[in-house]
Amino acid sequence: MESEALIVDAVRSPIGRRNGALAGIRGDELGAQVLNGLVARHDFDPGEVEDVQLGCVTQIGEQGWNIGRMVPMVAGWPETVCGTTVDRQCGSSMQTNFNAATAIWSGQLDVVISAGVEMMSRVPMGSNGGDLSDALHERWQIVPQGISAEVIAAEWGLTREALDTYSLESHRRAVAATESGRFANEIVPVEVSAAGAAVLVAKDEAPRADTSAEKLAALQPAFVPDGVVTAGNSSQIVDGAAAVLVTSEAAASRLGLEPRARFVAFGLSGVDPHRMLHGNPEACRKALERAGLSWDDIAVIEVNEAFACVVLQFAQDAGLEDRLEDINPNGGGISLGHPLGATGARVTATLLNELERREARFGIACMCIGFGQAIAAVIERV
């Protein structure tokens, strides 16, 4: 490595429920506000940014036309700021973290923004896809993610009660984090138009303070009649954007930027697409091995809550069932929502702030990915 890949800052928009507070704004416009909010936190000329790597899963309609280039243009940044769009499905903006860090480690770039956006109210999930190849179906048993979640729950012996209990705790943690102000340092308030007037949105909409074990137990299975996976123990469909400013050591020094953390290592894993949600432990193992670390070194663990079964399966396989308090301590996709392309950058911001709150050194974030992949990143607070 020619340079450390330093995380100068990481921010996100508030997360809006489907058809909620953010539904009136386009993804490129929301992303632009987040980028401008990121730059506004520092005495920093956006023209110094060489590239915007932006994760977005449903690249069609308003999220088409290389939205990664559109976002800095809408933000009013100089035309010299390049941009591209990345789709590694749920891991898209963790992949852009990987891309940004790799570009800096290799010495090819000095200032990169890793970002993500997904407006699931406006651009429906799956609307960019078509029929799958017959050859694919001949070789692999392809199922919807909800069916895969049922397969995981059955194989790892996860009951409906266990999934609902975990989900209730996710909401409890997210509500507590909101009320105590833990998200204040990562949220960039955004302006939206409502009834012809400008409204400032500064708070997540998805966490439910009024949910309960009884309410979760009353929900019907979402994917199979006798299943255990429901809307209540799955991630919420939401809108949101996030961004991470990544620089080399030389650029940070030249621009007077104070880094908060650094990327240490990444890991990828590929798994059977029929059981597509169980790759997180292997991705983390690879990242930890590359970093020369073990789970004993990791203070905070972010596991994207695509489904409650994903986190509980991860804890089993990683041998972390006695450390659930360190996994998603401020909630996750079940309570905060999972804005597909933005989630990787969102969990990076949340992980960084929690490391600082605990005055801890190392954290890891991981997420499972459709069609059988997972990605993980280790960061170190500096």
Protein backbone atom coordinates (compact mmCIF):
# COMPACT_ATOMS: atom_id res chain seq x y z
CA MET A 1 0.00 0.00 0.00
CA GLU A 2 1.38 3.41 -0.95
CA SER A 3 -0.99 5.23 1.42
CA GLU A 4 -3.52 4.58 4.11
CA ALA A 5 -7.14 4.91 2.95
CA LEU A 6 -8.36 7.41 5.51
CA ILE A 7 -12.01 7.96 6.40
CA VAL A 8 -12.30 11.70 6.91
CA ASP A 9 -16.03 11.64 7.52
CA ALA A 10 -19.17 9.57 6.93
CA VAL A 11 -22.71 10.94 6.82
CA ARG A 12 -26.19 9.93 5.75
CA SER A 13 -29.61 11.32 5.19
CA PRO A 14 -32.38 10.50 7.61
CA ILE A 15 -34.07 7.32 6.42
CA GLY A 16 -37.65 7.69 5.23
CA ARG A 17 -40.36 5.06 5.29
CA ARG A 18 -41.80 3.91 1.99
CA ASN A 19 -44.03 6.73 0.69
CA GLY A 20 -42.97 8.78 3.68
CA ALA A 21 -41.11 12.01 4.29
CA LEU A 22 -38.48 11.56 1.58
CA ALA A 23 -40.72 10.16 -1.15
CA GLY A 24 -41.16 13.57 -2.76
CA ILE A 25 -37.48 13.95 -3.69
CA ARG A 26 -35.53 12.29 -6.48
CA GLY A 27 -32.55 10.10 -5.67
CA ASP A 28 -30.05 12.31 -7.48
CA GLU A 29 -31.34 15.34 -5.58
CA LEU A 30 -31.23 13.53 -2.22
CA GLY A 31 -27.72 12.29 -2.94
CA ALA A 32 -26.67 15.82 -3.89
CA GLN A 33 -27.87 17.19 -0.57
CA VAL A 34 -25.93 14.52 1.31
CA LEU A 35 -22.75 15.26 -0.67
CA ASN A 36 -23.11 18.98 -0.03
CA GLY A 37 -23.81 18.30 3.63
CA LEU A 38 -20.64 16.23 3.84
CA VAL A 39 -18.49 18.98 2.29
CA ALA A 40 -20.15 21.66 4.43
CA ARG A 41 -18.83 19.96 7.57
CA HIS A 42 -15.27 20.77 6.43
CA ASP A 43 -13.45 23.74 4.93
CA PHE A 44 -13.18 21.80 1.71
CA ASP A 45 -13.54 22.58 -1.99
CA PRO A 46 -15.64 19.86 -3.69
CA GLY A 47 -13.51 20.37 -6.79
CA GLU A 48 -10.81 18.44 -4.94
CA VAL A 49 -12.90 15.26 -5.24
CA GLU A 50 -11.55 13.15 -8.09
CA ASP A 51 -14.31 10.57 -8.22
CA VAL A 52 -17.70 9.75 -6.73
CA GLN A 53 -18.26 6.00 -6.50
CA LEU A 54 -21.98 5.58 -5.86
CA GLY A 55 -23.87 2.41 -5.06
CA CYS A 56 -27.38 2.02 -6.45
CA VAL A 57 -29.19 -1.25 -7.05
CA THR A 58 -32.24 -0.29 -9.10
CA GLN A 59 -30.59 1.64 -11.91
CA ILE A 60 -33.60 2.57 -13.98
CA GLY A 61 -35.73 5.68 -14.46
CA GLU A 62 -34.64 8.43 -12.09
CA GLN A 63 -31.84 6.18 -10.84
CA GLY A 64 -30.57 5.46 -14.34
CA TRP A 65 -28.22 7.35 -16.64
CA ASN A 66 -25.25 6.74 -14.33
CA ILE A 67 -26.68 8.40 -11.24
CA GLY A 68 -23.17 8.38 -9.77
CA ARG A 69 -22.24 11.08 -12.26
CA MET A 70 -25.57 12.87 -11.92
CA VAL A 71 -25.38 13.34 -8.14
CA PRO A 72 -22.28 15.61 -8.06
CA MET A 73 -23.62 17.47 -11.11
CA VAL A 74 -26.96 18.12 -9.37
CA ALA A 75 -24.96 19.17 -6.30
CA GLY A 76 -23.41 21.97 -8.34
CA TRP A 77 -19.91 20.54 -8.13
CA PRO A 78 -17.35 21.24 -10.87
CA GLU A 79 -17.54 19.15 -14.02
CA THR A 80 -14.07 17.83 -13.16
CA VAL A 81 -15.59 15.65 -10.42
CA CYS A 82 -16.15 12.28 -12.06
CA GLY A 83 -18.74 9.72 -11.00
CA THR A 84 -19.75 6.13 -11.61
CA THR A 85 -22.50 3.81 -10.40
CA VAL A 86 -21.90 0.42 -8.79
CA ASP A 87 -24.29 -2.50 -8.31
CA ARG A 88 -23.30 -5.26 -5.94
CA GLN A 89 -26.91 -5.37 -4.85
CA CYS A 90 -27.24 -4.98 -1.06
CA GLY A 91 -23.46 -4.53 -0.77
CA SER A 92 -23.24 -1.79 -3.39
CA SER A 93 -21.94 1.06 -1.24
CA MET A 94 -19.71 -1.25 0.75
CA GLN A 95 -18.24 -2.15 -2.63
CA THR A 96 -17.76 1.56 -3.35
CA ASN A 97 -15.88 1.76 -0.02
CA PHE A 98 -13.72 -1.06 -1.36
CA ASN A 99 -13.24 0.73 -4.68
CA ALA A 100 -12.32 4.01 -3.01
CA ALA A 101 -9.87 2.40 -0.60
CA THR A 102 -8.27 0.34 -3.37
CA ALA A 103 -7.82 3.40 -5.59
CA ILE A 104 -6.06 5.20 -2.76
CA TRP A 105 -4.00 2.20 -1.64
CA SER A 106 -2.76 1.80 -5.20
CA GLY A 107 -1.88 5.47 -5.54
CA GLN A 108 -4.24 6.09 -8.46
CA LEU A 109 -6.50 8.56 -6.65
CA ASP A 110 -6.21 10.79 -3.59
CA VAL A 111 -9.74 12.03 -2.83
CA VAL A 112 -12.78 9.81 -3.42
CA ILE A 113 -16.33 9.87 -2.14
CA SER A 114 -17.94 6.49 -1.60
CA ALA A 115 -21.69 6.93 -1.56
CA GLY A 116 -25.02 5.25 -2.12
CA VAL A 117 -28.64 6.08 -2.73
CA GLU A 118 -31.90 4.18 -3.08
CA MET A 119 -35.35 5.70 -3.36
CA MET A 120 -37.46 2.59 -2.98
CA SER A 121 -40.67 4.62 -2.87
CA ARG A 122 -40.00 6.06 -6.31
CA VAL A 123 -38.05 3.30 -8.08
CA PRO A 124 -39.49 -0.07 -7.02
CA MET A 125 -37.09 -2.83 -6.09
CA GLY A 126 -36.66 -5.28 -8.98
CA SER A 127 -38.02 -2.92 -11.62
CA ASN A 128 -34.70 -2.98 -13.46
CA GLY A 129 -34.64 -6.77 -13.81
CA GLY A 130 -35.98 -9.12 -16.45
CA ASP A 131 -36.31 -12.87 -16.91
CA LEU A 132 -33.33 -14.91 -15.78
CA SER A 133 -31.43 -17.11 -18.20
CA ASP A 134 -32.62 -20.68 -18.67
CA ALA A 135 -28.98 -21.71 -18.42
CA LEU A 136 -28.83 -20.12 -14.96
CA HIS A 137 -31.88 -22.05 -13.83
CA GLU A 138 -30.38 -25.27 -15.17
CA ARG A 139 -27.29 -24.82 -13.04
CA TRP A 140 -28.66 -23.23 -9.88
CA GLN A 141 -31.79 -23.31 -7.73
CA ILE A 142 -32.75 -19.62 -7.82
CA VAL A 143 -35.32 -18.46 -5.28
CA PRO A 144 -36.48 -15.08 -3.91
CA GLN A 145 -34.58 -13.81 -0.88
CA GLY A 146 -37.57 -14.40 1.37
CA ILE A 147 -37.54 -18.09 0.50
CA SER A 148 -33.80 -18.18 1.16
CA ALA A 149 -34.49 -16.61 4.55
CA GLU A 150 -36.90 -19.44 5.30
CA VAL A 151 -34.25 -21.97 4.26
CA ILE A 152 -31.70 -20.33 6.56
CA ALA A 153 -34.14 -20.25 9.48
CA ALA A 154 -34.92 -23.93 9.08
CA GLU A 155 -31.32 -25.05 8.61
CA TRP A 156 -30.00 -23.08 11.57
CA GLY A 157 -32.95 -23.96 13.81
CA LEU A 158 -34.22 -20.40 14.20
CA THR A 159 -37.77 -20.20 15.52
CA ARG A 160 -40.39 -17.55 14.85
CA GLU A 161 -40.09 -16.48 18.47
CA ALA A 162 -36.31 -16.02 18.16
CA LEU A 163 -36.68 -13.95 14.99
CA ASP A 164 -39.39 -11.75 16.48
CA THR A 165 -37.45 -11.30 19.72
CA TYR A 166 -34.42 -10.13 17.77
CA SER A 167 -36.56 -7.78 15.68
CA LEU A 168 -38.17 -6.21 18.74
CA GLU A 169 -34.71 -5.59 20.18
CA SER A 170 -33.61 -3.95 16.91
CA HIS A 171 -36.45 -1.44 17.21
CA ARG A 172 -35.72 -0.89 20.90
CA ARG A 173 -32.07 -0.13 20.15
CA ALA A 174 -32.87 2.20 17.23
CA VAL A 175 -35.43 4.13 19.27
CA ALA A 176 -32.98 4.44 22.18
CA ALA A 177 -30.21 5.61 19.82
CA THR A 178 -32.54 8.20 18.30
CA GLU A 179 -33.76 9.52 21.64
CA SER A 180 -30.23 9.74 23.08
CA GLY A 181 -28.90 11.58 20.03
CA ARG A 182 -26.47 8.88 18.90
CA PHE A 183 -27.35 9.46 15.24
CA ALA A 184 -27.01 13.24 15.40
CA ASN A 185 -23.40 13.27 14.18
CA GLU A 186 -24.11 11.08 11.15
CA ILE A 187 -27.39 12.52 9.87
CA VAL A 188 -27.38 15.40 7.39
CA PRO A 189 -30.81 17.07 7.51
CA VAL A 190 -32.34 17.27 4.03
CA GLU A 191 -34.88 19.62 2.53
CA VAL A 192 -37.95 18.24 0.76
CA SER A 193 -41.02 19.86 -0.69
CA ALA A 194 -44.33 19.10 1.00
CA ALA A 195 -47.60 20.79 0.02
CA GLY A 196 -45.63 23.43 -1.86
CA ALA A 197 -43.44 24.33 1.10
CA ALA A 198 -39.88 23.38 1.97
CA VAL A 199 -39.63 21.02 4.94
CA LEU A 200 -36.43 20.00 6.71
CA VAL A 201 -36.25 16.28 7.54
CA ALA A 202 -33.72 15.40 10.21
CA LYS A 203 -34.98 12.21 11.88
CA ASP A 204 -35.35 8.59 10.83
CA GLU A 205 -38.94 7.52 10.27
CA ALA A 206 -38.70 3.73 10.37
CA PRO A 207 -38.00 2.81 14.03
CA ARG A 208 -41.23 1.90 15.79
CA ALA A 209 -41.42 2.84 19.45
CA ASP A 210 -44.89 1.34 19.67
CA THR A 211 -44.10 -2.14 18.40
CA SER A 212 -44.34 -5.11 20.75
CA ALA A 213 -43.89 -8.84 20.90
CA GLU A 214 -47.65 -9.21 20.52
CA LYS A 215 -47.79 -7.04 17.39
CA LEU A 216 -44.90 -8.90 15.80
CA ALA A 217 -46.43 -12.28 16.67
CA ALA A 218 -49.71 -11.27 15.00
CA LEU A 219 -48.09 -10.78 11.58
CA GLN A 220 -48.64 -13.47 8.98
CA PRO A 221 -45.73 -15.25 7.26
CA ALA A 222 -44.69 -13.24 4.21
CA PHE A 223 -43.30 -15.89 1.88
CA VAL A 224 -44.69 -19.35 2.70
CA PRO A 225 -47.95 -20.13 4.53
CA ASP A 226 -46.34 -22.00 7.44
CA GLY A 227 -43.12 -20.01 7.49
CA VAL A 228 -41.39 -17.96 10.17
CA VAL A 229 -40.28 -14.94 8.10
CA THR A 230 -42.66 -11.98 8.28
CA ALA A 231 -42.59 -8.30 7.38
CA GLY A 232 -41.81 -7.66 11.04
CA ASN A 233 -38.59 -9.68 11.12
CA SER A 234 -37.40 -8.50 7.69
CA SER A 235 -35.74 -5.24 6.66
CA GLN A 236 -37.99 -2.31 5.83
CA ILE A 237 -38.39 -0.80 2.35
CA VAL A 238 -37.16 2.78 2.72
CA ASP A 239 -35.51 5.78 1.07
CA GLY A 240 -32.07 7.11 1.90
CA ALA A 241 -28.58 8.17 0.88
CA ALA A 242 -25.14 8.14 2.52
CA ALA A 243 -21.59 9.20 1.73
CA VAL A 244 -18.05 8.55 3.01
CA LEU A 245 -15.11 10.87 2.28
CA VAL A 246 -11.95 8.80 1.72
CA THR A 247 -8.51 10.33 1.14
CA SER A 248 -4.83 9.51 1.07
CA GLU A 249 -2.58 10.69 3.87
CA ALA A 250 -0.98 13.26 1.57
CA ALA A 251 -4.34 14.69 0.48
CA ALA A 252 -5.63 14.89 4.05
CA SER A 253 -2.52 16.79 5.08
CA ARG A 254 -2.60 19.10 2.07
CA LEU A 255 -6.28 19.93 2.53
CA GLY A 256 -6.15 20.24 6.30
CA LEU A 257 -8.60 17.37 6.82
CA GLU A 258 -8.58 15.43 10.10
CA PRO A 259 -9.21 11.70 9.53
CA ARG A 260 -11.52 9.84 11.89
CA ALA A 261 -10.65 6.28 10.83
CA ARG A 262 -9.03 4.17 8.15
CA PHE A 263 -10.05 1.19 6.09
CA VAL A 264 -7.96 -1.81 7.15
CA ALA A 265 -9.17 -4.72 5.01
CA PHE A 266 -12.09 -6.11 3.05
CA GLY A 267 -13.42 -9.61 2.43
CA LEU A 268 -15.75 -11.13 -0.14
CA SER A 269 -17.47 -14.50 -0.16
CA GLY A 270 -19.58 -16.38 -2.66
CA VAL A 271 -22.12 -18.96 -1.50
CA ASP A 272 -24.91 -21.15 -2.86
CA PRO A 273 -27.59 -18.78 -4.23
CA HIS A 274 -30.37 -21.01 -2.88
CA ARG A 275 -29.07 -20.25 0.64
CA MET A 276 -27.86 -16.83 -0.46
CA LEU A 277 -27.91 -15.10 2.90
CA HIS A 278 -25.26 -16.97 4.87
CA GLY A 279 -21.99 -15.61 3.48
CA ASN A 280 -21.23 -13.01 6.17
CA PRO A 281 -19.09 -15.19 8.46
CA GLU A 282 -16.77 -16.17 5.61
CA ALA A 283 -16.48 -12.59 4.30
CA CYS A 284 -15.60 -11.45 7.82
CA ARG A 285 -13.10 -14.29 8.27
CA LYS A 286 -11.27 -13.19 5.13
CA ALA A 287 -11.28 -9.52 6.14
CA LEU A 288 -10.03 -10.32 9.64
CA GLU A 289 -7.33 -12.60 8.29
CA ARG A 290 -6.10 -9.89 5.92
CA ALA A 291 -6.12 -7.40 8.79
CA GLY A 292 -4.22 -9.76 11.08
CA LEU A 293 -7.02 -9.55 13.63
CA SER A 294 -9.43 -11.86 15.45
CA TRP A 295 -12.93 -11.37 16.81
CA ASP A 296 -11.35 -10.51 20.17
CA ASP A 297 -9.96 -7.33 18.57
CA ILE A 298 -13.34 -6.19 17.22
CA ALA A 299 -15.39 -3.94 19.49
CA VAL A 300 -18.42 -3.22 17.30
CA ILE A 301 -20.01 -5.41 14.65
CA GLU A 302 -22.52 -4.23 12.05
CA VAL A 303 -24.41 -7.03 10.28
CA ASN A 304 -27.01 -5.75 7.83
CA GLU A 305 -30.41 -6.90 9.04
CA ALA A 306 -31.77 -8.03 5.72
CA PHE A 307 -33.70 -10.53 7.83
CA ALA A 308 -33.44 -11.37 11.51
CA CYS A 309 -32.34 -14.89 10.58
CA VAL A 310 -29.25 -13.46 8.85
CA VAL A 311 -27.93 -11.92 12.06
CA LEU A 312 -28.73 -14.93 14.23
CA GLN A 313 -27.15 -17.31 11.69
CA PHE A 314 -24.08 -15.07 11.58
CA ALA A 315 -23.79 -15.07 15.37
CA GLN A 316 -23.97 -18.86 15.44
CA ASP A 317 -21.39 -19.47 12.74
CA ALA A 318 -18.99 -16.75 13.94
CA GLY A 319 -19.21 -17.98 17.53
CA LEU A 320 -20.57 -14.65 18.72
CA GLU A 321 -23.85 -15.67 20.35
CA ASP A 322 -22.57 -14.30 23.66
CA ARG A 323 -21.77 -10.91 22.09
CA LEU A 324 -25.15 -9.87 20.70
CA GLU A 325 -24.85 -6.55 22.56
CA ASP A 326 -21.95 -5.65 20.24
CA ILE A 327 -23.85 -6.55 17.06
CA ASN A 328 -25.95 -3.70 15.64
CA PRO A 329 -26.02 -1.87 18.99
CA ASN A 330 -28.08 0.96 17.47
CA GLY A 331 -30.49 -1.14 15.44
CA GLY A 332 -30.28 -2.03 11.77
CA GLY A 333 -32.25 -2.78 8.65
CA ILE A 334 -35.26 -4.17 10.53
CA SER A 335 -35.72 -0.97 12.53
CA LEU A 336 -33.89 1.70 10.53
CA GLY A 337 -34.63 0.26 7.10
CA HIS A 338 -32.42 -1.02 4.29
CA PRO A 339 -32.10 1.50 1.42
CA LEU A 340 -30.34 -1.09 -0.75
CA GLY A 341 -27.59 0.86 -2.52
CA ALA A 342 -27.01 3.22 0.42
CA THR A 343 -26.77 0.68 3.24
CA GLY A 344 -23.03 -0.01 3.01
CA ALA A 345 -22.17 3.66 3.42
CA ARG A 346 -24.89 4.06 6.07
CA VAL A 347 -23.51 1.28 8.27
CA THR A 348 -20.01 2.72 7.82
CA ALA A 349 -21.22 6.01 9.31
CA THR A 350 -23.04 4.26 12.16
CA LEU A 351 -20.08 1.98 12.90
CA LEU A 352 -17.64 4.89 12.97
CA ASN A 353 -19.75 6.90 15.40
CA GLU A 354 -20.24 3.93 17.71
CA LEU A 355 -16.49 3.25 17.79
CA GLU A 356 -15.95 6.86 18.77
CA ARG A 357 -18.68 6.72 21.41
CA ARG A 358 -17.05 3.65 22.97
CA GLU A 359 -13.52 4.99 22.41
CA ALA A 360 -12.81 1.64 20.78
CA ARG A 361 -10.30 0.83 18.06
CA PHE A 362 -11.60 -1.74 15.55
CA GLY A 363 -15.01 -2.42 14.04
CA ILE A 364 -16.34 -4.57 11.22
CA ALA A 365 -19.37 -4.25 8.96
CA CYS A 366 -20.78 -6.93 6.70
CA MET A 367 -23.81 -7.64 4.56
CA CYS A 368 -25.24 -10.54 2.63
CA ILE A 369 -25.99 -10.03 -1.05
CA GLY A 370 -28.55 -11.41 -3.50
CA PHE A 371 -27.65 -14.44 -5.61
CA GLY A 372 -25.18 -15.63 -2.98
CA GLN A 373 -22.45 -13.18 -2.00
CA ALA A 374 -21.32 -11.22 1.06
CA ILE A 375 -18.90 -8.36 1.71
CA ALA A 376 -17.16 -7.18 4.86
CA ALA A 377 -14.91 -4.28 5.85
CA VAL A 378 -12.70 -3.71 8.88
CA ILE A 379 -12.15 -0.12 9.96
CA GLU A 380 -9.85 1.32 12.63
CA ARG A 381 -10.57 4.50 14.53
CA VAL A 382 -7.60 6.88 14.48
